[in-house]
Amino acid sequence: MSMADTSPQADARYHELLRRMPPEKRLEAAMRLSQAVRELALASIRARHPGADDQELRVRLTVRLYGHGCARRLFGHVPADAT
């Protein structure tokens, strides 16, 4: 998958560097990126809902990452405005 905001040369170089990485380093990088995405999503939710407690933040984060259906199965109630 290529990035639309990256030159073809830079994109090719990025993918070449990924191919050269040992599998455990690629996994570590993927895990760091995944954690960064979760932290950014949570920061966005906190900014929109400053009064939310930890439970509400977990529900809203689950909706953001996995959808309403998953959040309802896990938590029961999901705020109608959760996105």
C-alpha atoms as a PDB file:
ATOM      1  CA  MET A   1       0.000   0.000   0.000  1.00  0.00           C
ATOM      2  CA  SER A   2       1.461   3.349  -1.034  1.00  0.00           C
ATOM      3  CA  MET A   3       0.966   6.650   0.729  1.00  0.00           C
ATOM      4  CA  ALA A   4      -0.692   9.393  -1.326  1.00  0.00           C
ATOM      5  CA  ASP A   5       1.289  12.218   0.296  1.00  0.00           C
ATOM      6  CA  THR A   6       4.700  10.609  -0.257  1.00  0.00           C
ATOM      7  CA  SER A   7       6.854  10.663  -3.360  1.00  0.00           C
ATOM      8  CA  PRO A   8       7.201   7.313  -5.146  1.00  0.00           C
ATOM      9  CA  GLN A   9      10.948   7.327  -4.423  1.00  0.00           C
ATOM     10  CA  ALA A  10      10.480   7.899  -0.691  1.00  0.00           C
ATOM     11  CA  ASP A  11       7.711   5.287  -0.582  1.00  0.00           C
ATOM     12  CA  ALA A  12       9.942   2.729  -2.341  1.00  0.00           C
ATOM     13  CA  ARG A  13      12.789   3.470   0.082  1.00  0.00           C
ATOM     14  CA  TYR A  14      10.477   3.094   3.089  1.00  0.00           C
ATOM     15  CA  HIS A  15       9.257  -0.299   1.872  1.00  0.00           C
ATOM     16  CA  GLU A  16      12.802  -1.423   1.140  1.00  0.00           C
ATOM     17  CA  LEU A  17      13.838  -0.532   4.691  1.00  0.00           C
ATOM     18  CA  LEU A  18      10.863  -2.489   6.036  1.00  0.00           C
ATOM     19  CA  ARG A  19      11.819  -5.542   3.952  1.00  0.00           C
ATOM     20  CA  ARG A  20      15.352  -5.424   5.348  1.00  0.00           C
ATOM     21  CA  MET A  21      14.218  -5.302   8.973  1.00  0.00           C
ATOM     22  CA  PRO A  22      14.230  -8.553  10.917  1.00  0.00           C
ATOM     23  CA  PRO A  23      10.705  -9.809  11.674  1.00  0.00           C
ATOM     24  CA  GLU A  24      10.973  -9.022  15.396  1.00  0.00           C
ATOM     25  CA  LYS A  25      11.906  -5.395  14.629  1.00  0.00           C
ATOM     26  CA  ARG A  26       8.966  -5.071  12.220  1.00  0.00           C
ATOM     27  CA  LEU A  27       6.687  -6.432  14.943  1.00  0.00           C
ATOM     28  CA  GLU A  28       8.095  -3.974  17.486  1.00  0.00           C
ATOM     29  CA  ALA A  29       7.563  -1.096  15.044  1.00  0.00           C
ATOM     30  CA  ALA A  30       3.988  -2.206  14.353  1.00  0.00           C
ATOM     31  CA  MET A  31       3.262  -2.448  18.072  1.00  0.00           C
ATOM     32  CA  ARG A  32       4.668   1.057  18.677  1.00  0.00           C
ATOM     33  CA  LEU A  33       2.547   2.456  15.836  1.00  0.00           C
ATOM     34  CA  SER A  34      -0.543   0.698  17.165  1.00  0.00           C
ATOM     35  CA  GLN A  35       0.039   2.140  20.642  1.00  0.00           C
ATOM     36  CA  ALA A  36       0.574   5.601  19.166  1.00  0.00           C
ATOM     37  CA  VAL A  37      -2.732   5.362  17.290  1.00  0.00           C
ATOM     38  CA  ARG A  38      -4.537   4.344  20.487  1.00  0.00           C
ATOM     39  CA  GLU A  39      -2.970   7.238  22.417  1.00  0.00           C
ATOM     40  CA  LEU A  40      -3.898   9.763  19.719  1.00  0.00           C
ATOM     41  CA  ALA A  41      -7.456   8.439  19.569  1.00  0.00           C
ATOM     42  CA  LEU A  42      -7.772   8.600  23.352  1.00  0.00           C
ATOM     43  CA  ALA A  43      -6.404  12.165  23.423  1.00  0.00           C
ATOM     44  CA  SER A  44      -8.997  13.170  20.833  1.00  0.00           C
ATOM     45  CA  ILE A  45     -11.794  11.552  22.847  1.00  0.00           C
ATOM     46  CA  ARG A  46     -10.621  13.264  26.060  1.00  0.00           C
ATOM     47  CA  ALA A  47     -10.575  16.632  24.287  1.00  0.00           C
ATOM     48  CA  ARG A  48     -14.151  16.151  23.060  1.00  0.00           C
ATOM     49  CA  HIS A  49     -15.428  14.714  26.350  1.00  0.00           C
ATOM     50  CA  PRO A  50     -13.385  16.295  29.161  1.00  0.00           C
ATOM     51  CA  GLY A  51     -15.764  15.063  31.868  1.00  0.00           C
ATOM     52  CA  ALA A  52     -15.692  11.414  30.773  1.00  0.00           C
ATOM     53  CA  ASP A  53     -14.590   8.885  33.375  1.00  0.00           C
ATOM     54  CA  ASP A  54     -12.286   5.937  32.626  1.00  0.00           C
ATOM     55  CA  GLN A  55     -15.184   3.604  31.766  1.00  0.00           C
ATOM     56  CA  GLU A  56     -16.698   6.049  29.276  1.00  0.00           C
ATOM     57  CA  LEU A  57     -13.277   6.612  27.719  1.00  0.00           C
ATOM     58  CA  ARG A  58     -12.848   2.835  27.277  1.00  0.00           C
ATOM     59  CA  VAL A  59     -16.284   2.552  25.661  1.00  0.00           C
ATOM     60  CA  ARG A  60     -15.657   5.460  23.307  1.00  0.00           C
ATOM     61  CA  LEU A  61     -12.192   4.170  22.395  1.00  0.00           C
ATOM     62  CA  THR A  62     -13.653   0.736  21.642  1.00  0.00           C
ATOM     63  CA  VAL A  63     -16.240   2.347  19.364  1.00  0.00           C
ATOM     64  CA  ARG A  64     -13.515   4.328  17.603  1.00  0.00           C
ATOM     65  CA  LEU A  65     -11.269   1.307  17.073  1.00  0.00           C
ATOM     66  CA  TYR A  66     -13.708  -1.598  16.670  1.00  0.00           C
ATOM     67  CA  GLY A  67     -17.178  -0.146  16.039  1.00  0.00           C
ATOM     68  CA  HIS A  68     -20.514   0.169  17.832  1.00  0.00           C
ATOM     69  CA  GLY A  69     -21.386  -3.529  17.641  1.00  0.00           C
ATOM     70  CA  CYS A  70     -18.232  -4.629  19.400  1.00  0.00           C
ATOM     71  CA  ALA A  71     -18.575  -1.929  22.060  1.00  0.00           C
ATOM     72  CA  ARG A  72     -22.196  -2.935  22.752  1.00  0.00           C
ATOM     73  CA  ARG A  73     -21.202  -6.589  23.118  1.00  0.00           C
ATOM     74  CA  LEU A  74     -18.396  -5.701  25.506  1.00  0.00           C
ATOM     75  CA  PHE A  75     -19.999  -2.906  27.541  1.00  0.00           C
ATOM     76  CA  GLY A  76     -23.753  -3.019  26.975  1.00  0.00           C
ATOM     77  CA  HIS A  77     -24.535   0.677  26.857  1.00  0.00           C
ATOM     78  CA  VAL A  78     -22.799   2.872  24.277  1.00  0.00           C
ATOM     79  CA  PRO A  79     -23.381   6.642  24.147  1.00  0.00           C
ATOM     80  CA  ALA A  80     -25.402   7.554  21.074  1.00  0.00           C
ATOM     81  CA  ASP A  81     -22.841  10.175  20.049  1.00  0.00           C
ATOM     82  CA  ALA A  82     -19.841   7.805  20.301  1.00  0.00           C
ATOM     83  CA  THR A  83     -17.797   7.806  17.104  1.00  0.00           C
END
